């Protein structure tokens, strides 16, 4: 009887560890996907800012000096 209890506890602990591993792996992959998307979006926004700054400088240079 005592041996079966330890066997069931071992199996339960093993299943719990496997569940935690799979859950952590999924959370990590989701985090990586979100970070990749945010980095790409940040790069697009930085490029837009640089483009707008260049246009602003061009327009300022066209204005008559007072």
C-alpha atoms as a PDB file:
ATOM      1  CA  UNK A   1       0.000   0.000   0.000  1.00  0.00           C
ATOM      2  CA  UNK A   2       2.762   2.411   0.963  1.00  0.00           C
ATOM      3  CA  UNK A   3       4.616   1.707  -2.299  1.00  0.00           C
ATOM      4  CA  UNK A   4       1.540   2.488  -4.403  1.00  0.00           C
ATOM      5  CA  UNK A   5       1.040   5.812  -2.644  1.00  0.00           C
ATOM      6  CA  UNK A   6       4.624   6.829  -3.395  1.00  0.00           C
ATOM      7  CA  UNK A   7       4.230   5.689  -6.996  1.00  0.00           C
ATOM      8  CA  UNK A   8       1.066   7.779  -7.431  1.00  0.00           C
ATOM      9  CA  UNK A   9       2.755  10.781  -5.799  1.00  0.00           C
ATOM     10  CA  UNK A  10       5.712  10.384  -8.141  1.00  0.00           C
ATOM     11  CA  UNK A  11       3.462  10.158 -11.211  1.00  0.00           C
ATOM     12  CA  UNK A  12       1.449  13.176 -10.048  1.00  0.00           C
ATOM     13  CA  UNK A  13       4.631  15.188  -9.452  1.00  0.00           C
ATOM     14  CA  UNK A  14       5.968  14.184 -12.877  1.00  0.00           C
ATOM     15  CA  UNK A  15       2.732  15.254 -14.586  1.00  0.00           C
ATOM     16  CA  UNK A  16       2.795  18.535 -12.710  1.00  0.00           C
ATOM     17  CA  UNK A  17       6.380  19.216 -13.808  1.00  0.00           C
ATOM     18  CA  UNK A  18       5.543  18.414 -17.442  1.00  0.00           C
ATOM     19  CA  UNK A  19       2.511  20.715 -17.295  1.00  0.00           C
ATOM     20  CA  UNK A  20       4.592  23.562 -15.863  1.00  0.00           C
ATOM     21  CA  UNK A  21       7.253  23.084 -18.542  1.00  0.00           C
ATOM     22  CA  UNK A  22       4.749  23.142 -21.413  1.00  0.00           C
ATOM     23  CA  UNK A  23       2.930  26.134 -19.936  1.00  0.00           C
ATOM     24  CA  UNK A  24       6.163  28.091 -19.488  1.00  0.00           C
ATOM     25  CA  UNK A  25       7.245  27.235 -23.018  1.00  0.00           C
ATOM     26  CA  UNK A  26       3.959  28.535 -24.447  1.00  0.00           C
ATOM     27  CA  UNK A  27       4.174  31.735 -22.421  1.00  0.00           C
ATOM     28  CA  UNK A  28       7.761  32.308 -23.577  1.00  0.00           C
ATOM     29  CA  UNK A  29       6.861  31.745 -27.253  1.00  0.00           C
ATOM     30  CA  UNK A  30       3.909  34.138 -26.994  1.00  0.00           C
ATOM     31  CA  UNK A  31       6.157  36.743 -25.382  1.00  0.00           C
ATOM     32  CA  UNK A  32       8.737  36.337 -28.153  1.00  0.00           C
ATOM     33  CA  UNK A  33       6.066  36.798 -30.860  1.00  0.00           C
ATOM     34  CA  UNK A  34       4.742  39.944 -29.192  1.00  0.00           C
ATOM     35  CA  UNK A  35       8.244  41.373 -28.835  1.00  0.00           C
ATOM     36  CA  UNK A  36       9.022  40.675 -32.503  1.00  0.00           C
ATOM     37  CA  UNK A  37       5.855  42.461 -33.599  1.00  0.00           C
ATOM     38  CA  UNK A  38       6.535  45.425 -31.313  1.00  0.00           C
ATOM     39  CA  UNK A  39      10.127  45.758 -32.524  1.00  0.00           C
ATOM     40  CA  UNK A  40       8.958  45.743 -36.144  1.00  0.00           C
ATOM     41  CA  UNK A  41       6.288  48.350 -35.364  1.00  0.00           C
ATOM     42  CA  UNK A  42       8.846  50.506 -33.541  1.00  0.00           C
ATOM     43  CA  UNK A  43      11.153  50.403 -36.565  1.00  0.00           C
ATOM     44  CA  UNK A  44       8.321  51.475 -38.884  1.00  0.00           C
ATOM     45  CA  UNK A  45       7.453  54.367 -36.579  1.00  0.00           C
ATOM     46  CA  UNK A  46      11.101  55.479 -36.350  1.00  0.00           C
ATOM     47  CA  UNK A  47      11.366  55.417 -40.142  1.00  0.00           C
ATOM     48  CA  UNK A  48       8.192  57.523 -40.380  1.00  0.00           C
ATOM     49  CA  UNK A  49       9.600  60.059 -37.917  1.00  0.00           C
ATOM     50  CA  UNK A  50      12.861  60.292 -39.859  1.00  0.00           C
ATOM     51  CA  UNK A  51      10.971  60.771 -43.119  1.00  0.00           C
ATOM     52  CA  UNK A  52       8.790  63.502 -41.606  1.00  0.00           C
ATOM     53  CA  UNK A  53      11.844  65.254 -40.164  1.00  0.00           C
ATOM     54  CA  UNK A  54      13.481  65.275 -43.603  1.00  0.00           C
ATOM     55  CA  UNK A  55      10.319  66.734 -45.143  1.00  0.00           C
ATOM     56  CA  UNK A  56      10.171  69.376 -42.399  1.00  0.00           C
ATOM     57  CA  UNK A  57      13.778  70.396 -43.022  1.00  0.00           C
ATOM     58  CA  UNK A  58      13.103  70.619 -46.750  1.00  0.00           C
ATOM     59  CA  UNK A  59      10.054  72.810 -46.176  1.00  0.00           C
ATOM     60  CA  UNK A  60      11.942  75.036 -43.737  1.00  0.00           C
ATOM     61  CA  UNK A  61      14.693  75.552 -46.268  1.00  0.00           C
ATOM     62  CA  UNK A  62      12.117  76.659 -48.865  1.00  0.00           C
ATOM     63  CA  UNK A  63      10.680  79.371 -46.599  1.00  0.00           C
ATOM     64  CA  UNK A  64      11.974  82.888 -47.258  1.00  0.00           C
ATOM     65  CA  UNK A  65      14.378  84.119 -44.592  1.00  0.00           C
ATOM     66  CA  UNK A  66      13.228  87.229 -42.703  1.00  0.00           C
END
